[in-house]
């Protein structure tokens, strides 16, 4: 009976010890306390006003929600910077009478990630995603908001995974 008690205590200790490095976002241990997200300028040929600010805030929010890092305006341990390099609307599928039945919005963002504490983690990479919508709809209002939300959720999560989750 005494041995079972010791085995049970050892099992609990090992279980809690193994969970101390991993968390549910998959980041593991982050060797940083602060991060900064510099403004992502919109350098695309086709300009949609406000998406640069929307993207910058979306990336800040995602990192704040999935880590315990503090957001700072300058001198962060981790720095995200870059630019929106492509904003493109193109027809995807055609009907029998040669008209578009579906359009695709594609956004590409170039990101530079700098980790002051571990320079081997630094990278510069482009991330992109798309949103398909019916051709009879205009890309304004709720359609545009839905498209930007879906695209930016995917791109910011990909950036997070590449920089912190290491998946």
C-alpha atoms as a PDB file:
ATOM      1  CA  UNK A   1       0.000   0.000   0.000  1.00  0.00           C
ATOM      2  CA  UNK A   2       2.891   2.329   0.818  1.00  0.00           C
ATOM      3  CA  UNK A   3       4.490   1.681  -2.588  1.00  0.00           C
ATOM      4  CA  UNK A   4       1.282   2.549  -4.422  1.00  0.00           C
ATOM      5  CA  UNK A   5       1.176   5.873  -2.576  1.00  0.00           C
ATOM      6  CA  UNK A   6       4.733   6.710  -3.657  1.00  0.00           C
ATOM      7  CA  UNK A   7       4.088   5.643  -7.239  1.00  0.00           C
ATOM      8  CA  UNK A   8       0.965   7.831  -7.343  1.00  0.00           C
ATOM      9  CA  UNK A   9       2.874  10.860  -5.994  1.00  0.00           C
ATOM     10  CA  UNK A  10       5.686  10.287  -8.499  1.00  0.00           C
ATOM     11  CA  UNK A  11       3.176   9.994 -11.345  1.00  0.00           C
ATOM     12  CA  UNK A  12       1.523  13.301 -10.395  1.00  0.00           C
ATOM     13  CA  UNK A  13       4.899  15.054 -10.084  1.00  0.00           C
ATOM     14  CA  UNK A  14       6.029  13.846 -13.516  1.00  0.00           C
ATOM     15  CA  UNK A  15       2.720  14.861 -15.093  1.00  0.00           C
ATOM     16  CA  UNK A  16       2.818  18.420 -13.770  1.00  0.00           C
ATOM     17  CA  UNK A  17       6.517  18.786 -14.501  1.00  0.00           C
ATOM     18  CA  UNK A  18       6.092  17.818 -18.157  1.00  0.00           C
ATOM     19  CA  UNK A  19       3.334  20.387 -18.649  1.00  0.00           C
ATOM     20  CA  UNK A  20       5.436  23.277 -17.407  1.00  0.00           C
ATOM     21  CA  UNK A  21       7.202  23.864 -20.749  1.00  0.00           C
ATOM     22  CA  UNK A  22       4.237  23.368 -23.069  1.00  0.00           C
ATOM     23  CA  UNK A  23       1.044  25.390 -23.235  1.00  0.00           C
ATOM     24  CA  UNK A  24      -2.126  25.053 -25.258  1.00  0.00           C
ATOM     25  CA  UNK A  25      -1.029  27.510 -27.961  1.00  0.00           C
ATOM     26  CA  UNK A  26       1.933  25.268 -28.778  1.00  0.00           C
ATOM     27  CA  UNK A  27       4.557  27.909 -28.163  1.00  0.00           C
ATOM     28  CA  UNK A  28       6.596  26.112 -25.546  1.00  0.00           C
ATOM     29  CA  UNK A  29       8.957  28.339 -23.565  1.00  0.00           C
ATOM     30  CA  UNK A  30       9.448  31.791 -25.100  1.00  0.00           C
ATOM     31  CA  UNK A  31      12.745  33.436 -24.210  1.00  0.00           C
ATOM     32  CA  UNK A  32      11.303  36.964 -24.313  1.00  0.00           C
ATOM     33  CA  UNK A  33       9.185  39.298 -22.235  1.00  0.00           C
ATOM     34  CA  UNK A  34       8.134  41.931 -24.765  1.00  0.00           C
ATOM     35  CA  UNK A  35       7.194  42.227 -28.414  1.00  0.00           C
ATOM     36  CA  UNK A  36       6.518  45.031 -30.837  1.00  0.00           C
ATOM     37  CA  UNK A  37       4.594  45.078 -34.086  1.00  0.00           C
ATOM     38  CA  UNK A  38       5.661  47.922 -36.331  1.00  0.00           C
ATOM     39  CA  UNK A  39       3.117  49.409 -38.721  1.00  0.00           C
ATOM     40  CA  UNK A  40       2.697  47.264 -41.845  1.00  0.00           C
ATOM     41  CA  UNK A  41       2.658  49.771 -44.719  1.00  0.00           C
ATOM     42  CA  UNK A  42       0.408  48.953 -47.677  1.00  0.00           C
ATOM     43  CA  UNK A  43       2.711  48.832 -50.728  1.00  0.00           C
ATOM     44  CA  UNK A  44       0.360  46.876 -52.971  1.00  0.00           C
ATOM     45  CA  UNK A  45      -0.446  48.237 -56.439  1.00  0.00           C
ATOM     46  CA  UNK A  46      -4.180  48.149 -55.664  1.00  0.00           C
ATOM     47  CA  UNK A  47      -4.780  50.066 -52.428  1.00  0.00           C
ATOM     48  CA  UNK A  48      -7.665  49.284 -50.081  1.00  0.00           C
ATOM     49  CA  UNK A  49      -7.699  52.043 -47.445  1.00  0.00           C
ATOM     50  CA  UNK A  50      -7.294  50.940 -43.845  1.00  0.00           C
ATOM     51  CA  UNK A  51      -6.115  47.365 -44.348  1.00  0.00           C
ATOM     52  CA  UNK A  52      -2.604  48.253 -43.184  1.00  0.00           C
ATOM     53  CA  UNK A  53      -3.923  49.362 -39.777  1.00  0.00           C
ATOM     54  CA  UNK A  54      -6.363  46.442 -39.587  1.00  0.00           C
ATOM     55  CA  UNK A  55      -3.600  43.927 -40.263  1.00  0.00           C
ATOM     56  CA  UNK A  56      -1.181  45.506 -37.772  1.00  0.00           C
ATOM     57  CA  UNK A  57      -3.826  45.414 -35.022  1.00  0.00           C
ATOM     58  CA  UNK A  58      -4.838  41.841 -35.889  1.00  0.00           C
ATOM     59  CA  UNK A  59      -1.235  40.637 -35.494  1.00  0.00           C
ATOM     60  CA  UNK A  60      -0.842  42.501 -32.190  1.00  0.00           C
ATOM     61  CA  UNK A  61      -4.104  41.043 -30.859  1.00  0.00           C
ATOM     62  CA  UNK A  62      -3.230  37.473 -31.837  1.00  0.00           C
ATOM     63  CA  UNK A  63       0.168  37.559 -30.124  1.00  0.00           C
ATOM     64  CA  UNK A  64      -1.267  39.192 -27.002  1.00  0.00           C
ATOM     65  CA  UNK A  65      -4.083  36.625 -26.802  1.00  0.00           C
ATOM     66  CA  UNK A  66      -1.879  33.570 -27.323  1.00  0.00           C
ATOM     67  CA  UNK A  67       1.166  34.511 -25.230  1.00  0.00           C
ATOM     68  CA  UNK A  68       1.990  36.289 -21.998  1.00  0.00           C
ATOM     69  CA  UNK A  69       4.295  38.762 -23.786  1.00  0.00           C
ATOM     70  CA  UNK A  70       3.855  42.484 -23.208  1.00  0.00           C
ATOM     71  CA  UNK A  71       3.287  44.775 -26.187  1.00  0.00           C
ATOM     72  CA  UNK A  72       5.722  47.704 -26.366  1.00  0.00           C
ATOM     73  CA  UNK A  73       6.156  50.528 -28.878  1.00  0.00           C
ATOM     74  CA  UNK A  74       9.944  50.165 -29.209  1.00  0.00           C
ATOM     75  CA  UNK A  75      12.894  48.010 -28.124  1.00  0.00           C
ATOM     76  CA  UNK A  76      10.872  44.805 -27.907  1.00  0.00           C
ATOM     77  CA  UNK A  77      12.600  41.458 -27.453  1.00  0.00           C
ATOM     78  CA  UNK A  78      10.652  40.283 -30.506  1.00  0.00           C
ATOM     79  CA  UNK A  79       9.982  42.594 -33.447  1.00  0.00           C
ATOM     80  CA  UNK A  80       7.526  42.072 -36.298  1.00  0.00           C
ATOM     81  CA  UNK A  81       7.748  44.415 -39.265  1.00  0.00           C
ATOM     82  CA  UNK A  82       7.047  44.366 -42.948  1.00  0.00           C
ATOM     83  CA  UNK A  83       4.585  45.464 -45.584  1.00  0.00           C
ATOM     84  CA  UNK A  84       1.504  44.381 -47.477  1.00  0.00           C
ATOM     85  CA  UNK A  85       2.941  43.654 -50.924  1.00  0.00           C
ATOM     86  CA  UNK A  86      -0.064  42.372 -52.857  1.00  0.00           C
ATOM     87  CA  UNK A  87      -3.823  42.973 -52.817  1.00  0.00           C
ATOM     88  CA  UNK A  88      -5.361  41.378 -55.867  1.00  0.00           C
ATOM     89  CA  UNK A  89      -8.867  40.566 -57.073  1.00  0.00           C
ATOM     90  CA  UNK A  90      -9.098  38.059 -59.906  1.00  0.00           C
ATOM     91  CA  UNK A  91     -11.853  35.971 -61.529  1.00  0.00           C
ATOM     92  CA  UNK A  92     -11.705  32.291 -60.606  1.00  0.00           C
ATOM     93  CA  UNK A  93     -14.446  30.369 -62.366  1.00  0.00           C
ATOM     94  CA  UNK A  94     -16.441  31.177 -65.478  1.00  0.00           C
ATOM     95  CA  UNK A  95     -19.980  30.409 -66.560  1.00  0.00           C
ATOM     96  CA  UNK A  96     -20.971  29.000 -69.952  1.00  0.00           C
ATOM     97  CA  UNK A  97     -21.327  32.521 -71.373  1.00  0.00           C
ATOM     98  CA  UNK A  98     -17.739  33.466 -70.422  1.00  0.00           C
ATOM     99  CA  UNK A  99     -18.603  35.571 -67.362  1.00  0.00           C
ATOM    100  CA  UNK A 100     -16.972  35.204 -63.965  1.00  0.00           C
ATOM    101  CA  UNK A 101     -19.090  33.354 -61.444  1.00  0.00           C
ATOM    102  CA  UNK A 102     -16.584  33.639 -58.618  1.00  0.00           C
ATOM    103  CA  UNK A 103     -13.851  36.113 -57.716  1.00  0.00           C
ATOM    104  CA  UNK A 104     -10.854  35.703 -55.435  1.00  0.00           C
ATOM    105  CA  UNK A 105      -9.261  38.307 -53.189  1.00  0.00           C
ATOM    106  CA  UNK A 106      -5.643  37.431 -52.423  1.00  0.00           C
ATOM    107  CA  UNK A 107      -3.439  39.321 -49.975  1.00  0.00           C
ATOM    108  CA  UNK A 108       0.300  38.782 -49.549  1.00  0.00           C
ATOM    109  CA  UNK A 109       2.317  40.179 -46.640  1.00  0.00           C
ATOM    110  CA  UNK A 110       6.110  40.298 -46.349  1.00  0.00           C
ATOM    111  CA  UNK A 111       7.229  39.852 -42.720  1.00  0.00           C
ATOM    112  CA  UNK A 112      10.575  40.375 -41.033  1.00  0.00           C
ATOM    113  CA  UNK A 113      10.821  38.781 -37.592  1.00  0.00           C
ATOM    114  CA  UNK A 114      13.683  39.716 -35.263  1.00  0.00           C
ATOM    115  CA  UNK A 115      14.388  37.944 -31.975  1.00  0.00           C
ATOM    116  CA  UNK A 116      16.975  39.932 -29.987  1.00  0.00           C
ATOM    117  CA  UNK A 117      17.615  37.006 -27.639  1.00  0.00           C
ATOM    118  CA  UNK A 118      18.000  34.290 -30.275  1.00  0.00           C
ATOM    119  CA  UNK A 119      19.148  35.569 -33.660  1.00  0.00           C
ATOM    120  CA  UNK A 120      18.895  32.119 -35.272  1.00  0.00           C
ATOM    121  CA  UNK A 121      15.093  32.540 -35.121  1.00  0.00           C
ATOM    122  CA  UNK A 122      15.150  35.682 -37.315  1.00  0.00           C
ATOM    123  CA  UNK A 123      13.491  35.393 -40.722  1.00  0.00           C
ATOM    124  CA  UNK A 124      12.048  37.316 -43.641  1.00  0.00           C
ATOM    125  CA  UNK A 125       9.208  35.544 -45.387  1.00  0.00           C
ATOM    126  CA  UNK A 126       5.997  36.232 -47.309  1.00  0.00           C
ATOM    127  CA  UNK A 127       2.638  34.925 -46.150  1.00  0.00           C
ATOM    128  CA  UNK A 128      -0.521  34.929 -48.230  1.00  0.00           C
ATOM    129  CA  UNK A 129      -4.087  33.745 -48.192  1.00  0.00           C
ATOM    130  CA  UNK A 130      -7.249  34.257 -50.243  1.00  0.00           C
ATOM    131  CA  UNK A 131     -11.019  34.573 -49.995  1.00  0.00           C
ATOM    132  CA  UNK A 132     -13.456  33.477 -52.710  1.00  0.00           C
ATOM    133  CA  UNK A 133     -16.771  35.278 -53.125  1.00  0.00           C
ATOM    134  CA  UNK A 134     -19.593  35.273 -55.722  1.00  0.00           C
ATOM    135  CA  UNK A 135     -18.920  37.506 -58.722  1.00  0.00           C
ATOM    136  CA  UNK A 136     -22.323  39.170 -58.451  1.00  0.00           C
ATOM    137  CA  UNK A 137     -21.293  40.643 -55.071  1.00  0.00           C
ATOM    138  CA  UNK A 138     -19.231  43.792 -54.771  1.00  0.00           C
ATOM    139  CA  UNK A 139     -16.201  43.618 -52.493  1.00  0.00           C
ATOM    140  CA  UNK A 140     -17.507  46.249 -50.087  1.00  0.00           C
ATOM    141  CA  UNK A 141     -19.252  46.327 -46.714  1.00  0.00           C
ATOM    142  CA  UNK A 142     -19.852  42.980 -45.039  1.00  0.00           C
ATOM    143  CA  UNK A 143     -18.317  41.000 -47.925  1.00  0.00           C
ATOM    144  CA  UNK A 144     -15.060  42.945 -47.619  1.00  0.00           C
ATOM    145  CA  UNK A 145     -15.092  42.693 -43.817  1.00  0.00           C
ATOM    146  CA  UNK A 146     -15.622  38.915 -43.956  1.00  0.00           C
ATOM    147  CA  UNK A 147     -12.859  38.542 -46.527  1.00  0.00           C
ATOM    148  CA  UNK A 148     -10.346  40.605 -44.548  1.00  0.00           C
ATOM    149  CA  UNK A 149     -11.219  38.845 -41.293  1.00  0.00           C
ATOM    150  CA  UNK A 150     -10.711  35.376 -42.772  1.00  0.00           C
ATOM    151  CA  UNK A 151      -7.531  36.296 -44.655  1.00  0.00           C
ATOM    152  CA  UNK A 152      -5.937  38.137 -41.734  1.00  0.00           C
ATOM    153  CA  UNK A 153      -6.835  35.364 -39.251  1.00  0.00           C
ATOM    154  CA  UNK A 154      -5.037  32.850 -41.430  1.00  0.00           C
ATOM    155  CA  UNK A 155      -1.990  35.010 -42.202  1.00  0.00           C
ATOM    156  CA  UNK A 156      -1.489  36.142 -38.596  1.00  0.00           C
ATOM    157  CA  UNK A 157      -1.782  32.556 -37.350  1.00  0.00           C
ATOM    158  CA  UNK A 158       0.783  31.441 -39.935  1.00  0.00           C
ATOM    159  CA  UNK A 159       3.136  34.230 -38.800  1.00  0.00           C
ATOM    160  CA  UNK A 160       2.626  33.236 -35.165  1.00  0.00           C
ATOM    161  CA  UNK A 161       3.327  29.574 -35.941  1.00  0.00           C
ATOM    162  CA  UNK A 162       6.468  30.410 -37.912  1.00  0.00           C
ATOM    163  CA  UNK A 163       7.896  32.785 -35.302  1.00  0.00           C
ATOM    164  CA  UNK A 164       6.833  31.315 -31.955  1.00  0.00           C
ATOM    165  CA  UNK A 165       5.161  27.914 -32.269  1.00  0.00           C
ATOM    166  CA  UNK A 166       7.842  26.384 -34.549  1.00  0.00           C
ATOM    167  CA  UNK A 167       5.380  23.988 -36.178  1.00  0.00           C
END
